[in-house]
Protein backbone atom coordinates (compact mmCIF):
# COMPACT_ATOMS: atom_id res chain seq x y z
CA UNK A 1 7.15 -57.77 23.95
CA UNK A 2 3.53 -57.74 22.79
CA UNK A 3 2.74 -60.69 25.04
CA UNK A 4 4.27 -58.86 28.03
CA UNK A 5 2.15 -55.77 27.34
CA UNK A 6 -0.98 -57.92 27.06
CA UNK A 7 -0.05 -59.67 30.30
CA UNK A 8 0.32 -56.34 32.14
CA UNK A 9 -3.01 -55.05 30.79
CA UNK A 10 -4.73 -58.28 31.81
CA UNK A 11 -3.30 -58.04 35.35
CA UNK A 12 -4.38 -54.38 35.64
CA UNK A 13 -7.91 -55.24 34.51
CA UNK A 14 -8.06 -58.14 36.97
CA UNK A 15 -6.90 -55.87 39.81
CA UNK A 16 -9.42 -53.18 38.89
CA UNK A 17 -12.36 -55.58 38.67
CA UNK A 18 -12.57 -56.37 42.42
CA UNK A 19 -12.30 -52.65 43.29
CA UNK A 20 -15.14 -51.81 40.92
CA UNK A 21 -17.33 -54.59 42.30
CA UNK A 22 -16.61 -53.54 45.89
CA UNK A 23 -17.49 -49.88 45.19
CA UNK A 24 -20.66 -50.97 43.40
CA UNK A 25 -21.65 -53.20 46.33
CA UNK A 26 -20.98 -50.36 48.77
CA UNK A 27 -23.10 -47.94 46.75
CA UNK A 28 -25.90 -50.49 46.52
CA UNK A 29 -25.78 -51.10 50.28
CA UNK A 30 -25.86 -47.36 51.03
CA UNK A 31 -28.81 -46.86 48.70
CA UNK A 32 -30.66 -49.71 50.37
CA UNK A 33 -30.03 -48.17 53.81
CA UNK A 34 -31.36 -44.82 52.58
CA UNK A 35 -34.52 -46.49 51.31
CA UNK A 36 -35.02 -48.12 54.72
CA UNK A 37 -34.60 -44.73 56.35
CA UNK A 38 -37.17 -43.28 53.95
CA UNK A 39 -39.60 -46.04 54.88
CA UNK A 40 -38.98 -45.24 58.56
CA UNK A 41 -39.70 -41.55 57.96
CA UNK A 42 -42.87 -42.43 56.04
CA UNK A 43 -44.16 -44.65 58.84
CA UNK A 44 -43.31 -41.97 61.41
CA UNK A 45 -45.14 -39.32 59.38
CA UNK A 46 -48.31 -41.42 59.05
CA UNK A 47 -48.26 -42.55 62.70
CA UNK A 48 -47.14 -39.09 63.91
CA UNK A 49 -44.29 -40.72 65.82
CA UNK A 50 -41.50 -38.19 66.30
CA UNK A 51 -39.16 -40.83 67.73
CA UNK A 52 -38.99 -42.59 64.37
CA UNK A 53 -37.90 -39.36 62.70
CA UNK A 54 -35.20 -38.92 65.35
CA UNK A 55 -33.98 -42.45 64.69
CA UNK A 56 -33.92 -41.78 60.94
CA UNK A 57 -31.69 -38.72 61.46
CA UNK A 58 -29.37 -40.73 63.69
CA UNK A 59 -29.06 -43.49 61.11
CA UNK A 60 -28.31 -40.89 58.42
CA UNK A 61 -25.36 -39.56 60.43
CA UNK A 62 -23.94 -43.09 60.49
CA UNK A 63 -24.07 -43.22 56.67
CA UNK A 64 -22.53 -39.78 56.22
CA UNK A 65 -19.10 -40.94 55.06
CA UNK A 66 -20.60 -43.31 52.49
CA UNK A 67 -22.70 -40.71 50.66
CA UNK A 68 -21.82 -40.26 46.98
CA UNK A 69 -23.46 -38.22 44.25
CA UNK A 70 -24.73 -41.26 42.25
CA UNK A 71 -26.26 -42.78 45.38
CA UNK A 72 -28.05 -39.55 46.30
CA UNK A 73 -29.24 -39.11 42.71
CA UNK A 74 -30.69 -42.62 42.69
CA UNK A 75 -32.34 -41.98 46.05
CA UNK A 76 -33.92 -38.75 44.77
CA UNK A 77 -35.30 -40.66 41.79
CA UNK A 78 -36.76 -43.23 44.16
CA UNK A 79 -38.34 -40.83 46.68
CA UNK A 80 -39.32 -37.68 44.77
CA UNK A 81 -41.54 -37.49 41.69
CA UNK A 82 -39.27 -36.95 38.68
CA UNK A 83 -41.28 -33.94 37.44
CA UNK A 84 -41.42 -32.17 40.81
CA UNK A 85 -39.70 -28.85 41.49
CA UNK A 86 -37.83 -30.26 44.51
CA UNK A 87 -36.36 -33.09 42.39
CA UNK A 88 -35.08 -30.78 39.67
CA UNK A 89 -33.68 -28.27 42.19
CA UNK A 90 -31.88 -30.83 44.32
CA UNK A 91 -30.52 -32.67 41.29
CA UNK A 92 -28.99 -29.43 40.02
CA UNK A 93 -26.82 -29.16 43.17
CA UNK A 94 -25.28 -32.60 42.68
CA UNK A 95 -22.06 -32.72 40.66
CA UNK A 96 -22.11 -34.57 37.36
CA UNK A 97 -20.14 -37.80 37.68
CA UNK A 98 -18.53 -39.96 35.01
CA UNK A 99 -20.47 -42.80 33.49
CA UNK A 100 -18.47 -45.47 35.33
CA UNK A 101 -19.22 -43.70 38.63
CA UNK A 102 -22.94 -43.81 37.86
CA UNK A 103 -22.97 -47.59 37.81
CA UNK A 104 -25.13 -48.10 40.91
CA UNK A 105 -26.51 -51.58 41.47
CA UNK A 106 -30.26 -51.26 41.10
CA UNK A 107 -31.03 -54.95 41.27
CA UNK A 108 -32.03 -54.67 44.90
CA UNK A 109 -34.50 -51.90 44.08
CA UNK A 110 -36.04 -53.57 41.03
CA UNK A 111 -38.76 -55.25 43.06
CA UNK A 112 -39.60 -52.13 45.10
CA UNK A 113 -42.13 -49.54 44.11
CA UNK A 114 -41.25 -45.87 44.66
CA UNK A 115 -43.51 -43.71 46.78
CA UNK A 116 -46.56 -42.60 44.85
CA UNK A 117 -46.29 -39.05 46.09
CA UNK A 118 -43.75 -37.09 48.07
CA UNK A 119 -44.39 -36.50 51.76
CA UNK A 120 -43.21 -33.16 53.19
CA UNK A 121 -41.00 -35.08 55.62
CA UNK A 122 -39.28 -36.93 52.80
CA UNK A 123 -38.78 -33.75 50.79
CA UNK A 124 -37.14 -31.99 53.76
CA UNK A 125 -35.05 -35.10 54.42
CA UNK A 126 -33.76 -34.95 50.84
CA UNK A 127 -32.71 -31.33 51.44
CA UNK A 128 -30.83 -32.42 54.58
CA UNK A 129 -29.14 -35.26 52.71
CA UNK A 130 -27.95 -33.05 49.86
CA UNK A 131 -26.76 -30.36 52.27
CA UNK A 132 -24.68 -32.86 54.23
CA UNK A 133 -23.10 -34.10 51.01
CA UNK A 134 -22.29 -30.59 49.72
CA UNK A 135 -20.70 -29.51 53.01
CA UNK A 136 -18.61 -32.68 53.25
CA UNK A 137 -17.44 -32.14 49.66
CA UNK A 138 -16.53 -28.51 50.55
CA UNK A 139 -18.90 -27.10 47.93
CA UNK A 140 -19.89 -24.25 50.21
CA UNK A 141 -21.47 -21.92 47.64
CA UNK A 142 -23.80 -24.67 46.43
CA UNK A 143 -24.55 -25.50 50.07
CA UNK A 144 -25.53 -21.87 50.71
CA UNK A 145 -27.90 -21.86 47.75
CA UNK A 146 -29.40 -25.23 48.72
CA UNK A 147 -29.88 -24.22 52.36
CA UNK A 148 -31.56 -20.94 51.38
CA UNK A 149 -33.96 -22.83 49.10
CA UNK A 150 -34.73 -25.31 51.87
CA UNK A 151 -35.50 -22.54 54.36
CA UNK A 152 -37.85 -20.89 51.87
CA UNK A 153 -39.63 -24.23 51.40
CA UNK A 154 -39.73 -24.88 55.13
CA UNK A 155 -41.63 -21.69 55.95
CA UNK A 156 -44.77 -23.14 54.36
CA UNK A 157 -44.76 -26.30 56.52
CA UNK A 158 -46.17 -26.67 60.02
CA UNK A 159 -46.04 -30.34 61.01
CA UNK A 160 -44.67 -31.79 64.24
CA UNK A 161 -42.95 -34.60 62.36
CA UNK A 162 -41.09 -32.01 60.26
CA UNK A 163 -39.71 -30.18 63.31
CA UNK A 164 -36.88 -32.68 63.86
CA UNK A 165 -35.69 -32.39 60.26
CA UNK A 166 -36.22 -28.63 60.30
CA UNK A 167 -33.87 -28.24 63.26
CA UNK A 168 -31.14 -30.00 61.27
CA UNK A 169 -31.81 -27.72 58.31
CA UNK A 170 -31.50 -24.64 60.54
CA UNK A 171 -28.11 -25.85 61.74
CA UNK A 172 -26.70 -26.57 58.28
CA UNK A 173 -28.17 -23.31 56.99
CA UNK A 174 -26.17 -21.34 59.55
CA UNK A 175 -23.12 -23.59 59.19
CA UNK A 176 -22.91 -23.13 55.42
CA UNK A 177 -22.93 -19.34 55.85
CA UNK A 178 -20.37 -19.56 58.64
CA UNK A 179 -18.01 -21.53 56.40
CA UNK A 180 -18.17 -18.69 53.85
CA UNK A 181 -17.69 -15.93 56.49
CA UNK A 182 -21.11 -14.41 55.87
CA UNK A 183 -22.97 -15.09 59.10
CA UNK A 184 -24.17 -11.48 59.40
CA UNK A 185 -26.29 -11.87 56.26
CA UNK A 186 -28.69 -14.38 57.84
CA UNK A 187 -29.17 -12.80 61.27
CA UNK A 188 -32.52 -11.28 60.29
CA UNK A 189 -33.67 -14.57 58.78
CA UNK A 190 -32.73 -16.47 61.93
CA UNK A 191 -34.66 -14.00 64.07
CA UNK A 192 -37.73 -14.39 61.84
CA UNK A 193 -37.42 -18.19 61.99
CA UNK A 194 -37.13 -18.06 65.79
CA UNK A 195 -40.29 -15.97 66.00
CA UNK A 196 -42.09 -18.40 63.69
CA UNK A 197 -40.95 -21.40 65.76
CA UNK A 198 -42.18 -19.68 68.92
CA UNK A 199 -45.62 -19.01 67.42
CA UNK A 200 -45.87 -22.62 66.25
CA UNK A 201 -44.75 -23.96 69.66
CA UNK A 202 -41.83 -25.73 68.01
CA UNK A 203 -39.63 -26.04 71.11
CA UNK A 204 -36.82 -27.96 69.42
CA UNK A 205 -36.70 -25.30 66.70
CA UNK A 206 -36.58 -22.60 69.38
CA UNK A 207 -33.62 -24.29 71.08
CA UNK A 208 -31.72 -24.70 67.83
CA UNK A 209 -32.41 -21.19 66.54
CA UNK A 210 -31.61 -19.56 69.88
CA UNK A 211 -28.22 -21.29 69.92
CA UNK A 212 -27.58 -20.31 66.31
CA UNK A 213 -28.40 -16.68 67.09
CA UNK A 214 -26.14 -16.70 70.14
CA UNK A 215 -23.36 -18.21 68.03
CA UNK A 216 -24.01 -15.55 65.40
CA UNK A 217 -23.68 -12.70 67.90
CA UNK A 218 -20.65 -14.18 69.69
CA UNK A 219 -18.90 -14.71 66.35
CA UNK A 220 -18.80 -10.92 66.00
CA UNK A 221 -18.15 -10.31 69.75
CA UNK A 222 -21.63 -8.81 70.25
CA UNK A 223 -21.96 -9.95 73.86
CA UNK A 224 -24.47 -7.32 74.96
CA UNK A 225 -26.88 -8.19 72.13
CA UNK A 226 -26.53 -11.91 72.83
CA UNK A 227 -27.34 -11.39 76.52
CA UNK A 228 -30.39 -9.28 75.68
CA UNK A 229 -31.65 -11.96 73.30
CA UNK A 230 -31.00 -14.74 75.80
CA UNK A 231 -32.73 -12.95 78.66
CA UNK A 232 -35.83 -12.05 76.61
CA UNK A 233 -36.21 -15.34 74.72
CA UNK A 234 -39.23 -17.48 75.74
CA UNK A 235 -38.51 -20.02 78.47
CA UNK A 236 -38.98 -23.70 77.69
CA UNK A 237 -37.74 -27.05 78.93
CA UNK A 238 -34.75 -28.43 77.02
CA UNK A 239 -35.61 -31.34 74.69
CA UNK A 240 -32.20 -31.97 73.10
CA UNK A 241 -29.12 -32.67 75.20
CA UNK A 242 -26.83 -31.43 72.41
CA UNK A 243 -28.65 -28.11 72.13
CA UNK A 244 -28.70 -27.72 75.91
CA UNK A 245 -24.92 -28.26 76.05
CA UNK A 246 -24.40 -25.62 73.37
CA UNK A 247 -26.62 -23.20 75.27
CA UNK A 248 -24.64 -23.74 78.48
CA UNK A 249 -21.37 -23.15 76.61
CA UNK A 250 -22.58 -19.88 75.08
CA UNK A 251 -24.02 -18.80 78.43
CA UNK A 252 -20.65 -19.51 80.07
CA UNK A 253 -18.84 -17.36 77.51
CA UNK A 254 -21.29 -14.49 78.03
CA UNK A 255 -20.98 -14.70 81.81
CA UNK A 256 -17.18 -14.75 81.56
CA UNK A 257 -17.06 -11.53 79.56
CA UNK A 258 -19.51 -9.96 82.03
CA UNK A 259 -17.11 -10.81 84.91
CA UNK A 260 -19.63 -13.22 86.47
CA UNK A 261 -17.03 -15.92 86.89
CA UNK A 262 -18.91 -18.14 89.37
CA UNK A 263 -21.93 -18.58 87.09
CA UNK A 264 -19.63 -18.96 84.08
CA UNK A 265 -17.67 -21.74 85.75
CA UNK A 266 -20.83 -23.65 86.63
CA UNK A 267 -22.21 -23.38 83.08
CA UNK A 268 -18.96 -24.38 81.38
CA UNK A 269 -18.29 -27.37 83.62
CA UNK A 270 -21.87 -28.55 83.23
CA UNK A 271 -21.62 -28.24 79.43
CA UNK A 272 -18.39 -30.28 79.39
CA UNK A 273 -19.90 -32.92 81.67
CA UNK A 274 -23.16 -33.29 79.71
CA UNK A 275 -21.53 -33.30 76.27
CA UNK A 276 -21.41 -36.65 74.42
CA UNK A 277 -18.14 -38.57 74.56
CA UNK A 278 -17.75 -38.32 70.79
CA UNK A 279 -17.96 -34.51 70.81
CA UNK A 280 -14.27 -34.15 71.63
CA UNK A 281 -13.79 -30.73 70.01
CA UNK A 282 -16.71 -29.25 71.92
CA UNK A 283 -15.47 -30.67 75.22
CA UNK A 284 -11.99 -29.29 74.54
CA UNK A 285 -13.41 -25.79 74.03
CA UNK A 286 -15.47 -26.07 77.22
CA UNK A 287 -12.41 -27.14 79.19
CA UNK A 288 -10.28 -24.31 77.79
CA UNK A 289 -12.75 -21.66 78.87
CA UNK A 290 -13.37 -23.41 82.20
CA UNK A 291 -9.64 -23.41 82.97
CA UNK A 292 -9.39 -19.67 82.30
CA UNK A 293 -12.46 -18.95 84.44
CA UNK A 294 -11.16 -21.02 87.34
CA UNK A 295 -7.83 -19.21 87.17
CA UNK A 296 -9.65 -15.87 87.22
CA UNK A 297 -11.52 -17.06 90.32
CA UNK A 298 -8.21 -17.79 92.03
CA UNK A 299 -8.54 -21.57 91.72
CA UNK A 300 -5.91 -23.93 90.33
CA UNK A 301 -7.38 -26.73 88.16
CA UNK A 302 -6.29 -30.29 88.91
CA UNK A 303 -3.66 -31.93 86.72
CA UNK A 304 -6.20 -34.60 85.67
CA UNK A 305 -8.14 -31.92 83.76
CA UNK A 306 -5.23 -31.56 81.33
CA UNK A 307 -4.55 -35.30 81.09
CA UNK A 308 -7.94 -36.36 79.75
CA UNK A 309 -7.87 -38.83 76.90
CA UNK A 310 -7.56 -37.10 73.52
CA UNK A 311 -7.20 -33.61 75.06
CA UNK A 312 -3.63 -33.53 76.34
CA UNK A 313 -2.11 -31.92 73.24
CA UNK A 314 -4.89 -29.33 72.82
CA UNK A 315 -4.75 -28.30 76.51
CA UNK A 316 -0.94 -28.05 76.71
CA UNK A 317 -0.87 -24.21 76.33
CA UNK A 318 -3.40 -23.87 79.14
CA UNK A 319 -1.45 -26.31 81.31
CA UNK A 320 1.69 -24.18 81.02
CA UNK A 321 -0.40 -21.07 81.67
CA UNK A 322 -1.86 -22.67 84.79
CA UNK A 323 1.63 -23.59 85.99
CA UNK A 324 2.77 -19.96 85.59
CA UNK A 325 -0.24 -18.70 87.56
CA UNK A 326 0.25 -21.34 90.26
CA UNK A 327 3.88 -20.35 90.78
CA UNK A 328 3.10 -16.65 90.60
CA UNK A 329 6.00 -15.95 88.24
CA UNK A 330 5.16 -12.89 86.15
CA UNK A 331 8.08 -13.40 83.76
CA UNK A 332 7.08 -17.01 83.06
CA UNK A 333 3.51 -15.85 82.53
CA UNK A 334 4.66 -13.34 79.89
CA UNK A 335 6.74 -16.02 78.15
CA UNK A 336 3.83 -18.48 77.96
CA UNK A 337 1.43 -15.75 76.76
CA UNK A 338 3.83 -14.81 73.94
CA UNK A 339 4.67 -18.41 73.05
CA UNK A 340 1.04 -19.46 72.55
CA UNK A 341 -0.35 -16.12 71.39
CA UNK A 342 -1.65 -17.64 68.16
CA UNK A 343 -3.50 -20.42 69.99
CA UNK A 344 -5.06 -18.01 72.46
CA UNK A 345 -6.14 -15.70 69.66
CA UNK A 346 -7.79 -18.51 67.69
CA UNK A 347 -9.57 -19.66 70.88
CA UNK A 348 -10.65 -16.06 71.57
CA UNK A 349 -9.27 -16.21 75.10
CA UNK A 350 -6.41 -13.74 74.75
CA UNK A 351 -8.35 -10.84 76.28
CA UNK A 352 -9.14 -13.06 79.27
CA UNK A 353 -5.48 -14.00 79.69
CA UNK A 354 -4.64 -10.30 79.94
CA UNK A 355 -6.90 -10.20 82.99
CA UNK A 356 -4.86 -13.01 84.56
CA UNK A 357 -1.82 -10.78 85.06
CA UNK A 358 -3.32 -9.40 88.25
CA UNK A 359 -3.97 -12.94 89.51
CA UNK A 360 -0.36 -13.91 88.85
CA UNK A 361 0.88 -10.94 90.86
CA UNK A 362 -1.57 -11.72 93.68
CA UNK A 363 -0.49 -15.39 93.78
CA UNK A 364 3.17 -14.43 93.92
CA UNK A 365 2.41 -11.93 96.69
CA UNK A 366 0.53 -14.61 98.66
CA UNK A 367 3.52 -16.95 98.39
CA UNK A 368 5.81 -14.16 99.61
CA UNK A 369 3.55 -13.37 102.58
CA UNK A 370 3.58 -17.04 103.60
CA UNK A 371 7.37 -17.36 103.24
CA UNK A 372 8.41 -14.14 105.02
CA UNK A 373 7.17 -12.62 108.24
CA UNK A 374 8.82 -9.34 107.29
CA UNK A 375 10.14 -8.22 103.90
CA UNK A 376 10.93 -4.88 102.35
CA UNK A 377 8.75 -3.52 99.55
CA UNK A 378 11.83 -3.26 97.31
CA UNK A 379 12.40 -7.02 97.70
CA UNK A 380 8.70 -7.62 97.01
CA UNK A 381 8.98 -5.65 93.75
CA UNK A 382 12.12 -7.60 92.80
CA UNK A 383 10.56 -10.98 93.53
CA UNK A 384 7.40 -10.08 91.62
CA UNK A 385 9.58 -8.79 88.72
CA UNK A 386 7.68 -5.55 88.37
CA UNK A 387 9.07 -3.68 85.36
CA UNK A 388 7.99 -0.08 85.91
CA UNK A 389 9.56 3.31 86.55
CA UNK A 390 8.87 3.18 90.31
CA UNK A 391 8.60 -0.51 91.29
CA UNK A 392 8.59 0.19 95.06
CA UNK A 393 5.52 2.45 94.82
CA UNK A 394 3.79 -0.08 92.59
CA UNK A 395 4.58 -2.87 95.05
CA UNK A 396 3.18 -0.77 97.91
CA UNK A 397 -0.08 -0.14 96.08
CA UNK A 398 -0.38 -3.84 95.08
CA UNK A 399 0.20 -4.98 98.66
CA UNK A 400 -2.31 -2.45 99.99
CA UNK A 401 -4.97 -3.60 97.54
CA UNK A 402 -4.32 -7.27 98.35
CA UNK A 403 -4.69 -6.53 102.07
CA UNK A 404 -7.94 -4.63 101.47
CA UNK A 405 -9.36 -7.47 99.33
CA UNK A 406 -8.43 -10.06 101.94
CA UNK A 407 -6.01 -11.92 99.66
CA UNK A 408 -3.21 -11.73 102.26
CA UNK A 409 -3.21 -11.17 106.01
CA UNK A 410 -0.50 -8.55 106.53
CA UNK A 411 0.19 -4.91 107.32
CA UNK A 412 2.44 -2.24 105.79
CA UNK A 413 5.06 -0.33 107.73
CA UNK A 414 5.21 2.81 105.59
CA UNK A 415 7.98 4.41 107.68
CA UNK A 416 10.46 1.56 107.14
CA UNK A 417 9.01 0.32 103.82
CA UNK A 418 8.22 -3.17 105.09
CA UNK A 419 5.42 -5.67 104.64
CA UNK A 420 4.67 -7.48 107.91
CA UNK A 421 2.82 -10.78 107.59
CA UNK A 422 0.57 -12.04 110.38
CA UNK A 423 0.57 -15.58 111.68
CA UNK A 424 -1.51 -18.04 109.66
CA UNK A 425 -4.77 -18.84 111.44
CA UNK A 426 -6.66 -22.10 111.57
CA UNK A 427 -8.98 -22.28 108.57
CA UNK A 428 -11.28 -24.67 110.44
CA UNK A 429 -12.09 -21.95 112.95
CA UNK A 430 -13.74 -19.98 110.14
CA UNK A 431 -16.86 -20.61 108.06
CA UNK A 432 -14.94 -21.59 104.93
CA UNK A 433 -15.28 -25.39 105.39
CA UNK A 434 -19.02 -24.99 105.98
CA UNK A 435 -19.39 -22.86 102.85
CA UNK A 436 -17.44 -25.36 100.73
CA UNK A 437 -19.45 -28.29 102.12
CA UNK A 438 -22.72 -26.46 101.47
CA UNK A 439 -21.77 -25.73 97.85
CA UNK A 440 -20.97 -29.41 97.24
CA UNK A 441 -24.30 -30.50 98.73
CA UNK A 442 -26.14 -27.99 96.54
CA UNK A 443 -24.27 -29.28 93.49
CA UNK A 444 -25.25 -32.91 94.20
CA UNK A 445 -28.88 -32.01 94.83
CA UNK A 446 -29.00 -29.99 91.62
CA UNK A 447 -27.55 -32.91 89.65
CA UNK A 448 -30.15 -35.27 91.18
CA UNK A 449 -33.01 -32.92 90.27
CA UNK A 450 -31.76 -32.62 86.69
CA UNK A 451 -31.50 -36.40 86.39
CA UNK A 452 -35.09 -36.80 87.60
CA UNK A 453 -36.31 -34.17 85.14
CA UNK A 454 -34.46 -35.94 82.32
CA UNK A 455 -36.41 -39.17 82.79
CA UNK A 456 -38.52 -39.96 79.74
CA UNK A 457 -41.62 -42.10 79.49
CA UNK A 458 -43.69 -43.27 76.51
CA UNK A 459 -46.18 -40.56 75.51
CA UNK A 460 -49.77 -40.95 76.75
CA UNK A 461 -48.90 -44.14 78.64
CA UNK A 462 -51.43 -43.21 81.34
CA UNK A 463 -54.20 -43.00 78.76
CA UNK A 464 -53.75 -46.46 77.29
CA UNK A 465 -56.91 -48.58 77.53
CA UNK A 466 -56.46 -51.77 79.52
CA UNK A 467 -57.46 -55.00 77.90
CA UNK A 468 -60.43 -57.08 79.06
CA UNK A 469 -58.11 -59.70 80.56
CA UNK A 470 -56.15 -57.13 82.56
CA UNK A 471 -59.38 -55.55 83.79
CA UNK A 472 -60.66 -58.93 85.05
CA UNK A 473 -57.35 -59.61 86.82
CA UNK A 474 -57.44 -56.21 88.47
CA UNK A 475 -61.04 -56.68 89.66
CA UNK A 476 -60.25 -60.15 91.00
CA UNK A 477 -57.25 -58.82 92.92
CA UNK A 478 -59.34 -56.02 94.38
CA UNK A 479 -62.05 -58.49 95.47
CA UNK A 480 -59.50 -60.77 97.13
CA UNK A 481 -57.93 -57.83 98.92
CA UNK A 482 -61.34 -56.62 100.18
CA UNK A 483 -62.22 -60.15 101.38
CA UNK A 484 -58.88 -60.45 103.17
CA UNK A 485 -59.40 -57.11 104.93
CA UNK A 486 -62.94 -58.16 105.98
CA UNK A 487 -61.64 -61.42 107.46
CA UNK A 488 -59.02 -59.54 109.46
CA UNK A 489 -61.71 -57.19 110.81
CA UNK A 490 -63.85 -60.18 111.93
CA UNK A 491 -60.89 -61.69 113.77
CA UNK A 492 -60.23 -58.44 115.66
CA UNK A 493 -63.80 -58.27 116.92
């Protein structure tokens, strides 16, 4: 019996040994990657190369799932001076792990020398790293405290190489407060930070903070305030595609509430098209609002919109809603609205779906006018399923309004209570095809202009000094060209 127990314990220890070694190797590899990122940030800070800082942030996002408290603690010891205020503050936010979890392989870092002093870029990067870890671990209160401390530290820095990291801090600062349902508390701080970024000509910070303020206002349905802020904010050229997509999405939501459906549709579709492929949740939200806006405009979205990869399940409620609007069945529309009421409420589109009731009635009336050359108003009310005290009078007023708006081509015989439909004309005899063709041309030209503006070149490439060898080659080519031109002139004379 004793031998069996010893055998089981030996097997358990043997099974646990590989797991421990694997976790230790993973932690060591992550720590080594973080040190390489720190070296990249240091070189970018000294050379004033913003692109290296951008690359460092991108590499950090790839390591996000591998971050652990012991790894971050070891990295803080490597980067920050151990007696500094930033080191003690950031270390206090990290949870205390067990001794076996603190076994990080430091053999790879034994031959490396830590930085002699802390650069501002590295200090801000450490704040970003700790914030990402706290949010992923769902320690939201600690994340709030850490983000507030980072913003207070950031106000005293004005370096172009810090702007990239500062924009990430602004985002996580707002996100940590949003996760704790206290976004209203930081609205004044965000406005002050936006003003500071404007005075410092930090355009990336302006983009990020403007989007955060718009998100803050829209979270509390303050659409008028968000439009005033957007219209009065300083104009600048977009530097980040992600921030530009967010701005287009918020602009589309504002335009939708303001009943400017054409502009809203353009903004929402552009945001969905420009969004990265990996941002599936953002693209789903853009498509949901775009579907509602297109329905409000009287358009029926294509089936392919709802069959996009990874979006079919999320867009199912809007597909059934579109089908109800396309058919013009008011009863089916009510059923779908009640069935997915929770989804529409969470998406904040329920008030827009209430507006669709009129479109459903108008679509059903258009189908009736195409099917019947003459029909009584009582039959119109029955087919539209109008549930009111006087459905015939309601049907008469609906038909009259549709005729006035140009939705149907018909007349009303008030004496007999009939709706008389006129013969369908040839659409190609009107200006509608020309208008549609013109809008498509304008769309293609606009896309081409945006693509040209998005081209990027190395900074100050036109100011680079040419080498002596290149200068000699250029002069020789110019001399040969001048001699060739002179010989041609002699031949002509």
